[in-house]
Amino acid sequence: MLNMRVVRRLVNRSGSRRAQSLVEFALVLPLILVLLLGAIDFGRAFFSWVELTNASRVGANYAATHPDAWALNNTTQKAEYATLVHDSGIGDVCTISASTPTFPDGSRDLGNRARVDLTCNFSLVAPFLQVFFGDPIHLKADSTFPIRRGCTNCAAAPAGPPPPPANNCRLIPNMIGQSVAGARRQWTAAGFTGAFEPASADGWRTVSTKTIDQGGAVGCDGGTYAFFASTVTVSLAAIIEPVPPETCRTVPNVLGMAVAEGRSTWQTAGFDPARFTPLTGSDTRIISGATYTPADASPGQCREPDLAISVTSVPPPAPPPPPPCQVPSFVNTLRSDAQTTWNAAHFTTPVQFQGGNWTVVKGQTLVGGSYASCSSTIKLSK
């Protein structure tokens, strides 16, 4: 039979141990809860950061394949980018917004970098953790991808002929009835640089019609004014050639020639040089009128060598305005080549650069393909 005293002692000792265990558990439970909730929040935060990093990679990859979407304000591509970044995010756990990509190398050329930086506000579950870490916690992630669309050292796209400004138009001289030599002189004096056709016609022949070809340029009416690089083609009035053994000579047209040139042409045509008035002087003046004796004579006729001519003259024209230079297109070319290209186009000024140090030209202050004074200045930018 059990000793009742021993039984009571064992029961008392067992109850004491259970009470002690409950006290110890009560003391440890808060720590366990802190660790558990901390582990849960840490897992949520890590998962959020992984998703945020994935969203930044998706955004950077899109920016690397659509580098000009923001420069050109392509709303369709920008919306597609925002959707991709948002769909790659983590919704209500950590709300992110699609930030605008940046290009650390200063341009959107092939091989340069596209970068996307994202942030989100992460809320903790355990309120007591907020005391130590704050709420919300700002998570950050960034990704950088090389640009994979575009080209390097690209040749600029050929520009169509731009409308020339008013100072590229020249007043068309009245060449009808003038000698070929005189008409050619007037064409050049008016500031035209295009060809005068036919180039090999005898200078004493008479111009009967003219045709202006502006070469596709627009901005000048082609009737009163023409583009400075236009060409002109003239047709010549008929002449009466002397038939041997007739003694007559073909009367030359001297209108528009310098007086000295007209005097020499008169003699070369076989007429009496003593019957050219003025006999001396006024050599550099330009012949503006001519009268003959007999009075019914005219250029192109066949008349006897004793025909007399008296000319009137005007001062020579002022020097023609200098032709403008055509502006090169620098977009997508190397900055280091700009000055050489500018000088090769006959511009005389130094090229100016805006926006610090960069390699590929993305903008210019003068339109490529247009014309400007050869002393103009140009500024290039990234």
Protein backbone atom coordinates (compact mmCIF):
# COMPACT_ATOMS: atom_id res chain seq x y z
CA MET A 1 0.00 0.00 0.00
CA LEU A 2 1.35 3.41 -1.09
CA ASN A 3 2.56 5.84 1.46
CA MET A 4 0.17 8.81 1.24
CA ARG A 5 2.83 11.26 2.36
CA VAL A 6 5.06 10.31 -0.54
CA VAL A 7 2.17 10.67 -3.02
CA ARG A 8 1.31 14.16 -1.84
CA ARG A 9 4.98 15.21 -2.16
CA LEU A 10 5.13 13.98 -5.77
CA VAL A 11 1.90 15.74 -6.73
CA ASN A 12 3.07 19.03 -5.29
CA ARG A 13 6.40 18.77 -7.15
CA SER A 14 4.66 18.02 -10.51
CA GLY A 15 2.31 21.01 -10.20
CA SER A 16 5.23 23.27 -9.43
CA ARG A 17 6.99 22.20 -12.63
CA ARG A 18 3.91 22.88 -14.78
CA ALA A 19 3.52 26.29 -13.27
CA GLN A 20 7.15 27.02 -13.87
CA SER A 21 6.78 25.96 -17.54
CA LEU A 22 3.78 28.23 -17.99
CA VAL A 23 5.69 31.15 -16.54
CA GLU A 24 8.67 30.48 -18.79
CA PHE A 25 6.41 30.15 -21.86
CA ALA A 26 4.70 33.42 -21.02
CA LEU A 27 8.07 35.10 -20.80
CA VAL A 28 9.34 33.64 -24.12
CA LEU A 29 6.09 34.02 -26.13
CA PRO A 30 6.51 37.75 -26.95
CA LEU A 31 10.00 37.13 -28.25
CA ILE A 32 8.73 34.26 -30.38
CA LEU A 33 5.96 36.47 -31.76
CA VAL A 34 8.45 39.25 -32.52
CA LEU A 35 10.71 36.81 -34.36
CA LEU A 36 7.78 35.26 -36.22
CA LEU A 37 6.26 38.56 -37.32
CA GLY A 38 9.72 39.88 -38.16
CA ALA A 39 10.36 36.82 -40.34
CA ILE A 40 7.02 37.32 -42.05
CA ASP A 41 7.71 41.02 -42.72
CA PHE A 42 11.26 40.26 -43.86
CA GLY A 43 9.95 37.69 -46.31
CA ARG A 44 7.34 40.11 -47.61
CA ALA A 45 9.93 42.87 -47.96
CA PHE A 46 12.39 40.60 -49.77
CA PHE A 47 9.67 39.39 -52.12
CA SER A 48 8.65 43.00 -52.79
CA TRP A 49 12.25 43.99 -53.55
CA VAL A 50 12.64 41.05 -55.97
CA GLU A 51 9.46 42.07 -57.80
CA LEU A 52 10.53 45.71 -57.82
CA THR A 53 13.88 44.73 -59.35
CA ASN A 54 12.07 42.66 -61.95
CA ALA A 55 9.86 45.65 -62.82
CA SER A 56 12.93 47.89 -63.24
CA ARG A 57 14.54 45.31 -65.54
CA VAL A 58 11.41 45.10 -67.67
CA GLY A 59 11.28 48.90 -67.89
CA ALA A 60 15.00 49.27 -68.72
CA ASN A 61 14.74 46.58 -71.38
CA TYR A 62 11.80 48.40 -73.01
CA ALA A 63 13.64 51.73 -72.88
CA ALA A 64 16.69 50.08 -74.50
CA THR A 65 14.59 48.96 -77.46
CA HIS A 66 12.51 52.17 -77.70
CA PRO A 67 15.06 54.87 -76.79
CA ASP A 68 13.33 57.71 -78.67
CA ALA A 69 9.84 57.20 -77.21
CA TRP A 70 10.30 60.01 -74.67
CA ALA A 71 12.32 62.38 -76.85
CA LEU A 72 9.63 62.17 -79.56
CA ASN A 73 6.78 62.06 -77.01
CA ASN A 74 5.38 58.85 -78.46
CA THR A 75 2.33 58.50 -76.24
CA THR A 76 1.59 54.94 -77.41
CA GLN A 77 5.02 53.61 -76.49
CA LYS A 78 5.08 55.56 -73.22
CA ALA A 79 1.74 54.03 -72.21
CA GLU A 80 2.98 50.56 -73.14
CA TYR A 81 6.07 51.11 -70.98
CA ALA A 82 3.95 52.19 -68.00
CA THR A 83 1.70 49.14 -68.39
CA LEU A 84 4.62 46.73 -68.54
CA VAL A 85 6.23 48.19 -65.43
CA HIS A 86 2.96 48.21 -63.50
CA ASP A 87 2.08 44.64 -64.49
CA SER A 88 5.53 43.50 -63.38
CA GLY A 89 5.03 45.08 -59.95
CA ILE A 90 3.48 43.68 -56.79
CA GLY A 91 0.15 45.40 -56.59
CA ASP A 92 -1.17 46.33 -53.17
CA VAL A 93 1.83 44.97 -51.26
CA CYS A 94 4.12 47.62 -52.67
CA THR A 95 2.64 50.17 -55.05
CA ILE A 96 5.08 51.51 -57.66
CA SER A 97 4.79 54.06 -60.43
CA ALA A 98 6.52 53.96 -63.81
CA SER A 99 9.30 56.54 -63.66
CA THR A 100 10.80 58.04 -66.81
CA PRO A 101 13.93 56.21 -68.01
CA THR A 102 17.24 58.06 -68.03
CA PHE A 103 20.20 57.78 -70.39
CA PRO A 104 23.41 58.21 -68.36
CA ASP A 105 25.67 58.55 -71.42
CA GLY A 106 23.88 61.70 -72.55
CA SER A 107 22.46 60.31 -75.81
CA ARG A 108 20.21 57.55 -77.11
CA ASP A 109 22.73 56.10 -79.56
CA LEU A 110 23.24 52.39 -80.12
CA GLY A 111 25.39 50.85 -77.36
CA ASN A 112 24.77 53.59 -74.79
CA ARG A 113 22.82 52.84 -71.61
CA ALA A 114 19.15 53.09 -70.67
CA ARG A 115 18.43 53.10 -66.91
CA VAL A 116 15.23 52.82 -64.89
CA ASP A 117 15.07 53.66 -61.16
CA LEU A 118 11.97 52.56 -59.23
CA THR A 119 10.84 53.06 -55.63
CA CYS A 120 7.87 51.77 -53.67
CA ASN A 121 6.39 52.25 -50.19
CA PHE A 122 6.32 48.99 -48.23
CA SER A 123 4.04 48.75 -45.16
CA LEU A 124 4.98 46.50 -42.20
CA VAL A 125 2.47 44.09 -40.67
CA ALA A 126 3.80 44.18 -37.09
CA PRO A 127 2.98 47.54 -35.49
CA PHE A 128 5.78 47.27 -32.95
CA LEU A 129 8.33 46.90 -35.78
CA GLN A 130 7.23 50.27 -37.09
CA VAL A 131 8.71 51.82 -33.95
CA PHE A 132 12.16 50.61 -34.96
CA PHE A 133 12.03 50.81 -38.77
CA GLY A 134 9.39 53.42 -39.46
CA ASP A 135 6.43 53.04 -41.76
CA PRO A 136 6.35 52.87 -44.68
CA ILE A 137 9.80 51.56 -45.69
CA HIS A 138 11.09 52.89 -49.01
CA LEU A 139 12.39 50.10 -51.24
CA LYS A 140 14.53 50.99 -54.26
CA ALA A 141 15.71 49.10 -57.33
CA ASP A 142 17.43 50.09 -60.57
CA SER A 143 18.41 48.31 -63.79
CA THR A 144 20.56 49.34 -66.74
CA PHE A 145 20.44 47.85 -70.24
CA PRO A 146 22.47 48.71 -73.37
CA ILE A 147 20.46 50.41 -76.11
CA ARG A 148 19.85 47.89 -78.87
CA ARG A 149 18.04 49.97 -81.45
CA GLY A 150 19.66 52.69 -83.55
CA CYS A 151 22.97 53.12 -85.32
CA THR A 152 26.41 54.58 -84.81
CA ASN A 153 28.01 57.10 -87.14
CA CYS A 154 24.83 57.07 -89.21
CA ALA A 155 24.76 59.13 -92.37
CA ALA A 156 22.14 61.82 -92.11
CA ALA A 157 18.99 61.17 -94.09
CA PRO A 158 19.03 63.14 -97.33
CA ALA A 159 17.01 66.30 -96.90
CA GLY A 160 14.68 67.46 -99.59
CA PRO A 161 15.28 70.90 -101.05
CA PRO A 162 14.06 73.40 -98.42
CA PRO A 163 12.25 76.56 -99.36
CA PRO A 164 15.03 79.08 -99.90
CA PRO A 165 14.73 82.31 -97.90
CA ALA A 166 14.12 85.56 -99.73
CA ASN A 167 17.84 86.45 -99.89
CA ASN A 168 18.39 83.34 -102.05
CA CYS A 169 16.25 84.85 -104.80
CA ARG A 170 17.85 87.01 -107.48
CA LEU A 171 16.19 89.53 -109.81
CA ILE A 172 16.16 88.09 -113.34
CA PRO A 173 17.78 90.57 -115.73
CA ASN A 174 16.16 91.49 -119.04
CA MET A 175 18.45 89.77 -121.54
CA ILE A 176 16.19 89.81 -124.61
CA GLY A 177 17.78 91.86 -127.42
CA GLN A 178 21.14 91.94 -125.67
CA SER A 179 24.30 90.47 -127.11
CA VAL A 180 25.19 87.04 -125.73
CA ALA A 181 28.23 88.57 -124.07
CA GLY A 182 26.09 91.29 -122.53
CA ALA A 183 23.38 88.85 -121.38
CA ARG A 184 26.02 86.60 -119.80
CA ARG A 185 27.47 89.62 -117.99
CA GLN A 186 24.04 90.64 -116.68
CA TRP A 187 23.30 87.09 -115.51
CA THR A 188 26.46 87.02 -113.44
CA ALA A 189 26.09 90.59 -112.21
CA ALA A 190 22.60 89.76 -110.90
CA GLY A 191 24.20 87.23 -108.54
CA PHE A 192 23.32 83.99 -110.34
CA THR A 193 25.83 81.17 -110.06
CA GLY A 194 24.12 78.69 -112.38
CA ALA A 195 25.22 78.02 -115.93
CA PHE A 196 24.49 80.26 -118.90
CA GLU A 197 23.64 78.15 -121.96
CA PRO A 198 24.84 77.90 -124.65
CA ALA A 199 28.25 78.48 -123.09
CA SER A 200 30.10 78.60 -126.40
CA ALA A 201 27.85 80.91 -128.41
CA ASP A 202 29.47 83.85 -130.16
CA GLY A 203 29.32 86.87 -127.89
CA TRP A 204 28.09 89.20 -130.68
CA ARG A 205 24.95 87.14 -131.40
CA THR A 206 21.55 88.47 -130.24
CA VAL A 207 19.44 86.82 -127.51
CA SER A 208 15.85 86.28 -128.68
CA THR A 209 14.34 84.20 -125.82
CA LYS A 210 15.40 82.86 -122.42
CA THR A 211 14.30 79.94 -120.21
CA ILE A 212 15.03 79.79 -116.47
CA ASP A 213 15.48 76.45 -114.69
CA GLN A 214 15.42 76.72 -110.88
CA GLY A 215 16.42 73.09 -110.39
CA GLY A 216 13.39 72.21 -108.30
CA ALA A 217 13.95 75.01 -105.76
CA VAL A 218 10.86 76.77 -104.45
CA GLY A 219 10.33 80.12 -102.85
CA CYS A 220 11.11 82.34 -105.87
CA ASP A 221 8.39 83.04 -108.41
CA GLY A 222 10.54 82.17 -111.44
CA GLY A 223 9.14 85.12 -113.37
CA THR A 224 10.66 88.17 -111.70
CA TYR A 225 12.96 86.37 -109.29
CA ALA A 226 14.74 83.04 -109.48
CA PHE A 227 16.81 80.88 -107.13
CA PHE A 228 20.43 82.04 -107.13
CA ALA A 229 21.73 78.68 -108.48
CA SER A 230 19.28 78.61 -111.39
CA THR A 231 20.46 78.04 -114.95
CA VAL A 232 19.39 80.00 -118.02
CA THR A 233 19.17 78.81 -121.58
CA VAL A 234 18.89 81.42 -124.33
CA SER A 235 18.00 81.11 -127.99
CA LEU A 236 19.66 83.28 -130.60
CA ALA A 237 18.13 85.52 -133.24
CA ALA A 238 18.74 84.61 -136.87
CA ILE A 239 21.55 86.31 -138.79
CA ILE A 240 22.18 86.92 -142.49
CA GLU A 241 25.51 85.45 -143.46
CA PRO A 242 27.37 87.24 -146.28
CA VAL A 243 27.58 85.18 -149.48
CA PRO A 244 30.86 85.49 -151.43
CA PRO A 245 31.71 87.46 -153.42
CA GLU A 246 29.44 89.95 -151.63
CA THR A 247 31.33 92.54 -149.62
CA CYS A 248 28.75 92.97 -146.83
CA ARG A 249 29.47 91.98 -143.25
CA THR A 250 27.14 90.67 -140.51
CA VAL A 251 26.37 93.47 -138.08
CA PRO A 252 27.34 92.36 -134.52
CA ASN A 253 25.21 93.08 -131.47
CA VAL A 254 27.31 95.01 -128.94
CA LEU A 255 24.60 95.81 -126.38
CA GLY A 256 25.74 94.82 -122.88
CA MET A 257 29.41 94.64 -123.81
CA ALA A 258 32.04 96.89 -122.32
CA VAL A 259 32.87 99.74 -124.70
CA ALA A 260 36.39 98.41 -125.34
CA GLU A 261 34.96 94.92 -126.05
CA GLY A 262 32.33 96.42 -128.40
CA ARG A 263 34.95 98.40 -130.27
CA SER A 264 37.07 95.29 -130.75
CA THR A 265 34.04 93.21 -131.81
CA TRP A 266 33.10 95.85 -134.39
CA GLN A 267 36.53 95.71 -135.96
CA THR A 268 36.73 91.89 -135.84
CA ALA A 269 33.41 91.68 -137.70
CA GLY A 270 35.08 93.51 -140.62
CA PHE A 271 33.70 97.04 -140.14
CA ASP A 272 35.75 100.25 -140.25
CA PRO A 273 37.10 100.78 -136.67
CA ALA A 274 37.23 104.53 -137.35
CA ARG A 275 33.46 104.54 -137.69
CA PHE A 276 32.89 103.36 -134.10
CA THR A 277 31.98 106.20 -131.72
CA PRO A 278 33.46 106.91 -129.23
CA LEU A 279 36.72 106.14 -130.92
CA THR A 280 38.61 106.17 -127.61
CA GLY A 281 37.82 106.24 -123.88
CA SER A 282 34.96 104.88 -121.74
CA ASP A 283 36.49 101.42 -122.12
CA THR A 284 35.03 99.89 -118.93
CA ARG A 285 31.55 101.38 -119.27
CA ILE A 286 28.74 99.11 -120.47
CA ILE A 287 27.08 99.75 -123.84
CA SER A 288 23.40 100.50 -123.24
CA GLY A 289 22.33 101.75 -126.70
CA ALA A 290 23.51 101.89 -130.30
CA THR A 291 22.49 103.91 -133.36
CA TYR A 292 23.64 103.22 -136.91
CA THR A 293 24.31 105.22 -140.02
CA PRO A 294 22.40 104.39 -142.21
CA ALA A 295 19.69 104.31 -139.54
CA ASP A 296 17.88 101.26 -140.86
CA ALA A 297 20.73 98.92 -139.99
CA SER A 298 20.34 96.44 -137.13
CA PRO A 299 22.27 93.50 -135.62
CA GLY A 300 22.19 90.35 -137.75
CA GLN A 301 21.89 92.16 -141.07
CA CYS A 302 24.53 92.04 -143.80
CA ARG A 303 25.82 95.60 -144.36
CA GLU A 304 28.76 97.25 -146.08
CA PRO A 305 32.00 97.74 -144.07
CA ASP A 306 31.59 101.51 -144.04
CA LEU A 307 28.57 101.23 -141.69
CA ALA A 308 28.95 103.62 -138.74
CA ILE A 309 27.86 103.01 -135.14
CA SER A 310 27.51 105.36 -132.17
CA VAL A 311 27.04 103.84 -128.72
CA THR A 312 25.87 105.15 -125.38
CA SER A 313 27.11 103.62 -122.14
CA VAL A 314 26.43 103.36 -118.43
CA PRO A 315 28.74 102.62 -115.47
CA PRO A 316 29.55 98.94 -114.94
CA PRO A 317 27.27 97.13 -112.47
CA ALA A 318 28.22 96.68 -108.83
CA PRO A 319 29.87 93.39 -107.90
CA PRO A 320 27.30 90.60 -107.49
CA PRO A 321 26.29 89.53 -103.98
CA PRO A 322 28.29 86.55 -102.73
CA PRO A 323 26.46 83.24 -103.11
CA PRO A 324 25.24 81.66 -99.86
CA CYS A 325 26.54 78.32 -98.58
CA GLN A 326 24.46 75.19 -98.11
CA VAL A 327 24.15 74.11 -94.47
CA PRO A 328 25.28 70.50 -93.87
CA SER A 329 23.07 68.13 -91.88
CA PHE A 330 24.98 67.24 -88.70
CA VAL A 331 22.32 65.11 -86.98
CA ASN A 332 23.65 61.62 -86.10
CA THR A 333 27.19 62.58 -87.11
CA LEU A 334 30.22 62.80 -84.85
CA ARG A 335 30.89 66.05 -83.07
CA SER A 336 34.61 65.69 -83.81
CA ASP A 337 33.94 65.85 -87.57
CA ALA A 338 31.69 68.92 -87.42
CA GLN A 339 34.29 71.64 -88.05
CA THR A 340 35.78 69.83 -91.04
CA THR A 341 32.33 69.33 -92.56
CA TRP A 342 31.40 72.98 -91.89
CA ASN A 343 34.57 74.29 -93.58
CA ALA A 344 34.13 71.91 -96.52
CA ALA A 345 30.76 73.61 -97.15
CA HIS A 346 32.75 76.90 -97.41
CA PHE A 347 31.56 78.40 -94.14
CA THR A 348 34.22 80.55 -92.49
CA THR A 349 33.14 80.58 -88.83
CA PRO A 350 33.92 78.16 -85.97
CA VAL A 351 31.25 75.62 -85.03
CA GLN A 352 29.75 76.22 -81.58
CA PHE A 353 28.64 73.45 -79.22
CA GLN A 354 25.95 73.47 -76.52
CA GLY A 355 25.35 71.14 -73.60
CA GLY A 356 28.77 70.08 -72.39
CA ASN A 357 30.82 67.16 -73.65
CA TRP A 358 29.08 64.62 -75.90
CA THR A 359 29.87 62.61 -79.02
CA VAL A 360 26.92 62.41 -81.44
CA VAL A 361 25.09 65.49 -82.73
CA LYS A 362 21.33 65.49 -82.14
CA GLY A 363 20.37 69.11 -82.94
CA GLN A 364 21.51 72.17 -84.89
CA THR A 365 20.35 75.78 -85.05
CA LEU A 366 20.44 76.03 -88.87
CA VAL A 367 18.36 73.61 -90.92
CA GLY A 368 20.42 71.08 -92.85
CA GLY A 369 20.07 71.55 -96.61
CA SER A 370 19.06 75.20 -96.32
CA TYR A 371 21.23 78.10 -97.45
CA ALA A 372 22.81 80.81 -95.35
CA SER A 373 25.53 83.42 -95.56
CA CYS A 374 28.94 81.77 -95.53
CA SER A 375 29.79 83.90 -92.48
CA SER A 376 26.83 82.51 -90.50
CA THR A 377 27.33 80.77 -87.17
CA ILE A 378 25.85 77.42 -86.15
CA LYS A 379 25.36 75.78 -82.76
CA LEU A 380 25.21 72.01 -82.35
CA SER A 381 23.70 70.21 -79.37
CA LYS A 382 23.10 66.72 -78.03
